[in-house]
Amino acid sequence: MASCLFCKIIAGEIPSTRVYEDDQLVVITDISPQAPLHCLVIPRKHIPTLNELTEEDTGLVGEMVRRASMTAREHGHGDEGYRTVFNCNAGAGQSVFHIHLHLLAGRRFTWPPG
């Protein structure tokens, strides 16, 4: 999608700090980190919100979660703990309408989240 921020980042049109990439996913550091480790796991496939997921996307979402777990462990946070978050629509805090999984680690988290 031509106007999508994450599509432009994936295409290399907007600079980012990439932590990982493969044929399905790109992992970048968040430009406004909310924890010492704050990465975004972004699928290359443009899907605006979780509401648009189809059955064919099941494996993709699983890979997003698996990659978040691997990234947390690679950065030394696997044992101390980390949080993963999908936001769906503006009322839940989604500001870029291309699904992405937040990975946060390196500090203590409270419940319920804000």
C-alpha atoms as a PDB file:
ATOM      1  CA  MET A   1       0.000   0.000   0.000  1.00  0.00           C
ATOM      2  CA  ALA A   2       1.601   3.216  -1.218  1.00  0.00           C
ATOM      3  CA  SER A   3       0.747   5.472   1.735  1.00  0.00           C
ATOM      4  CA  CYS A   4       1.465   2.968   4.525  1.00  0.00           C
ATOM      5  CA  LEU A   5       4.365   3.928   6.801  1.00  0.00           C
ATOM      6  CA  PHE A   6       5.375   0.315   7.465  1.00  0.00           C
ATOM      7  CA  CYS A   7       5.162  -0.615   3.772  1.00  0.00           C
ATOM      8  CA  LYS A   8       7.555   2.267   3.065  1.00  0.00           C
ATOM      9  CA  ILE A   9       9.901   1.090   5.832  1.00  0.00           C
ATOM     10  CA  ILE A  10       9.816  -2.474   4.478  1.00  0.00           C
ATOM     11  CA  ALA A  11      10.558  -1.161   0.960  1.00  0.00           C
ATOM     12  CA  GLY A  12      13.541   0.819   2.301  1.00  0.00           C
ATOM     13  CA  GLU A  13      11.979   4.170   1.415  1.00  0.00           C
ATOM     14  CA  ILE A  14      12.077   5.260   5.076  1.00  0.00           C
ATOM     15  CA  PRO A  15      15.123   4.442   7.213  1.00  0.00           C
ATOM     16  CA  SER A  16      14.802   2.154  10.200  1.00  0.00           C
ATOM     17  CA  THR A  17      16.995   0.154  12.517  1.00  0.00           C
ATOM     18  CA  ARG A  18      16.416  -3.423  11.437  1.00  0.00           C
ATOM     19  CA  VAL A  19      16.956  -6.154  13.977  1.00  0.00           C
ATOM     20  CA  TYR A  20      15.908  -9.032  11.709  1.00  0.00           C
ATOM     21  CA  GLU A  21      14.333  -9.699   8.348  1.00  0.00           C
ATOM     22  CA  ASP A  22      13.336 -12.633   6.206  1.00  0.00           C
ATOM     23  CA  ASP A  23      10.897 -13.243   3.354  1.00  0.00           C
ATOM     24  CA  GLN A  24       7.850 -12.832   5.651  1.00  0.00           C
ATOM     25  CA  LEU A  25       8.851 -10.430   8.430  1.00  0.00           C
ATOM     26  CA  VAL A  26      10.853  -7.348   9.285  1.00  0.00           C
ATOM     27  CA  VAL A  27      11.753  -6.531  12.893  1.00  0.00           C
ATOM     28  CA  ILE A  28      12.705  -2.942  13.675  1.00  0.00           C
ATOM     29  CA  THR A  29      13.369  -0.938  16.815  1.00  0.00           C
ATOM     30  CA  ASP A  30      10.527   1.379  17.821  1.00  0.00           C
ATOM     31  CA  ILE A  31      11.343   5.074  17.319  1.00  0.00           C
ATOM     32  CA  SER A  32       9.562   5.901  20.587  1.00  0.00           C
ATOM     33  CA  PRO A  33      10.632   3.046  22.873  1.00  0.00           C
ATOM     34  CA  GLN A  34       8.525   2.281  25.923  1.00  0.00           C
ATOM     35  CA  ALA A  35      11.078  -0.161  27.361  1.00  0.00           C
ATOM     36  CA  PRO A  36      14.830  -0.733  27.053  1.00  0.00           C
ATOM     37  CA  LEU A  37      14.032  -3.260  24.299  1.00  0.00           C
ATOM     38  CA  HIS A  38      11.068  -2.210  22.159  1.00  0.00           C
ATOM     39  CA  CYS A  39      10.851  -3.805  18.734  1.00  0.00           C
ATOM     40  CA  LEU A  40       8.074  -4.085  16.194  1.00  0.00           C
ATOM     41  CA  VAL A  41       7.552  -7.355  14.349  1.00  0.00           C
ATOM     42  CA  ILE A  42       5.981  -6.404  11.021  1.00  0.00           C
ATOM     43  CA  PRO A  43       4.781  -8.741   8.291  1.00  0.00           C
ATOM     44  CA  ARG A  44       5.768  -7.838   4.748  1.00  0.00           C
ATOM     45  CA  LYS A  45       2.160  -8.546   3.757  1.00  0.00           C
ATOM     46  CA  HIS A  46      -0.017  -5.474   4.271  1.00  0.00           C
ATOM     47  CA  ILE A  47      -2.913  -6.307   6.587  1.00  0.00           C
ATOM     48  CA  PRO A  48      -4.509  -3.177   8.090  1.00  0.00           C
ATOM     49  CA  THR A  49      -5.827  -4.607  11.388  1.00  0.00           C
ATOM     50  CA  LEU A  50      -6.272  -7.929  13.125  1.00  0.00           C
ATOM     51  CA  ASN A  51      -9.884  -7.807  11.940  1.00  0.00           C
ATOM     52  CA  GLU A  52      -8.705  -8.379   8.363  1.00  0.00           C
ATOM     53  CA  LEU A  53      -6.779 -11.573   9.135  1.00  0.00           C
ATOM     54  CA  THR A  54      -7.873 -14.599   7.159  1.00  0.00           C
ATOM     55  CA  GLU A  55      -7.334 -18.293   7.717  1.00  0.00           C
ATOM     56  CA  GLU A  56      -4.370 -18.150   5.347  1.00  0.00           C
ATOM     57  CA  ASP A  57      -2.674 -15.674   7.733  1.00  0.00           C
ATOM     58  CA  THR A  58      -2.638 -18.096  10.680  1.00  0.00           C
ATOM     59  CA  GLY A  59       0.923 -19.241  10.006  1.00  0.00           C
ATOM     60  CA  LEU A  60       2.114 -15.663   9.508  1.00  0.00           C
ATOM     61  CA  VAL A  61       0.794 -14.576  12.905  1.00  0.00           C
ATOM     62  CA  GLY A  62       2.430 -17.624  14.481  1.00  0.00           C
ATOM     63  CA  GLU A  63       5.738 -16.634  12.889  1.00  0.00           C
ATOM     64  CA  MET A  64       5.353 -13.104  14.258  1.00  0.00           C
ATOM     65  CA  VAL A  65       4.972 -14.435  17.794  1.00  0.00           C
ATOM     66  CA  ARG A  66       7.833 -16.931  17.351  1.00  0.00           C
ATOM     67  CA  ARG A  67      10.126 -14.202  16.007  1.00  0.00           C
ATOM     68  CA  ALA A  68       9.256 -11.920  18.953  1.00  0.00           C
ATOM     69  CA  SER A  69      10.197 -14.718  21.346  1.00  0.00           C
ATOM     70  CA  MET A  70      13.464 -15.374  19.523  1.00  0.00           C
ATOM     71  CA  THR A  71      14.314 -11.659  19.481  1.00  0.00           C
ATOM     72  CA  ALA A  72      13.672 -11.371  23.236  1.00  0.00           C
ATOM     73  CA  ARG A  73      15.963 -14.339  23.898  1.00  0.00           C
ATOM     74  CA  GLU A  74      18.651 -13.035  21.509  1.00  0.00           C
ATOM     75  CA  HIS A  75      18.707  -9.802  23.525  1.00  0.00           C
ATOM     76  CA  GLY A  76      18.969 -11.602  26.869  1.00  0.00           C
ATOM     77  CA  HIS A  77      15.372 -11.199  28.030  1.00  0.00           C
ATOM     78  CA  GLY A  78      14.018 -14.713  27.576  1.00  0.00           C
ATOM     79  CA  ASP A  79      14.320 -15.703  31.222  1.00  0.00           C
ATOM     80  CA  GLU A  80      13.490 -12.394  32.930  1.00  0.00           C
ATOM     81  CA  GLY A  81      10.359 -11.921  30.864  1.00  0.00           C
ATOM     82  CA  TYR A  82       8.960  -9.773  28.106  1.00  0.00           C
ATOM     83  CA  ARG A  83       5.614  -8.546  26.825  1.00  0.00           C
ATOM     84  CA  THR A  84       4.075  -8.855  23.367  1.00  0.00           C
ATOM     85  CA  VAL A  85       1.178  -6.666  22.295  1.00  0.00           C
ATOM     86  CA  PHE A  86      -1.055  -6.388  19.248  1.00  0.00           C
ATOM     87  CA  ASN A  87      -3.192  -3.234  19.185  1.00  0.00           C
ATOM     88  CA  CYS A  88      -6.318  -3.329  17.015  1.00  0.00           C
ATOM     89  CA  ASN A  89      -7.822  -0.035  15.873  1.00  0.00           C
ATOM     90  CA  ALA A  90      -7.403   3.468  17.247  1.00  0.00           C
ATOM     91  CA  GLY A  91      -9.318   2.859  20.474  1.00  0.00           C
ATOM     92  CA  ALA A  92      -6.702   0.285  21.471  1.00  0.00           C
ATOM     93  CA  GLY A  93      -3.766   2.470  20.469  1.00  0.00           C
ATOM     94  CA  GLN A  94      -3.094   1.326  16.894  1.00  0.00           C
ATOM     95  CA  SER A  95      -1.639   4.311  15.057  1.00  0.00           C
ATOM     96  CA  VAL A  96      -0.211   2.604  11.949  1.00  0.00           C
ATOM     97  CA  PHE A  97      -2.781   0.518  10.126  1.00  0.00           C
ATOM     98  CA  HIS A  98      -0.525  -2.365   9.151  1.00  0.00           C
ATOM     99  CA  ILE A  99      -0.555  -5.122  11.767  1.00  0.00           C
ATOM    100  CA  HIS A 100       2.525  -5.298  13.945  1.00  0.00           C
ATOM    101  CA  LEU A 101       3.490  -6.980  17.179  1.00  0.00           C
ATOM    102  CA  HIS A 102       5.198  -4.917  19.864  1.00  0.00           C
ATOM    103  CA  LEU A 103       7.950  -6.680  21.807  1.00  0.00           C
ATOM    104  CA  LEU A 104       8.862  -4.939  25.073  1.00  0.00           C
ATOM    105  CA  ALA A 105      11.487  -6.080  27.568  1.00  0.00           C
ATOM    106  CA  GLY A 106      14.099  -4.908  29.994  1.00  0.00           C
ATOM    107  CA  ARG A 107      11.887  -3.413  32.679  1.00  0.00           C
ATOM    108  CA  ARG A 108       9.139  -4.503  35.057  1.00  0.00           C
ATOM    109  CA  PHE A 109       5.610  -4.349  33.637  1.00  0.00           C
ATOM    110  CA  THR A 110       2.407  -3.840  35.564  1.00  0.00           C
ATOM    111  CA  TRP A 111      -1.035  -5.298  35.073  1.00  0.00           C
ATOM    112  CA  PRO A 112      -3.411  -4.220  33.793  1.00  0.00           C
ATOM    113  CA  PRO A 113      -1.587  -2.312  31.082  1.00  0.00           C
ATOM    114  CA  GLY A 114      -2.485   1.335  30.504  1.00  0.00           C
END
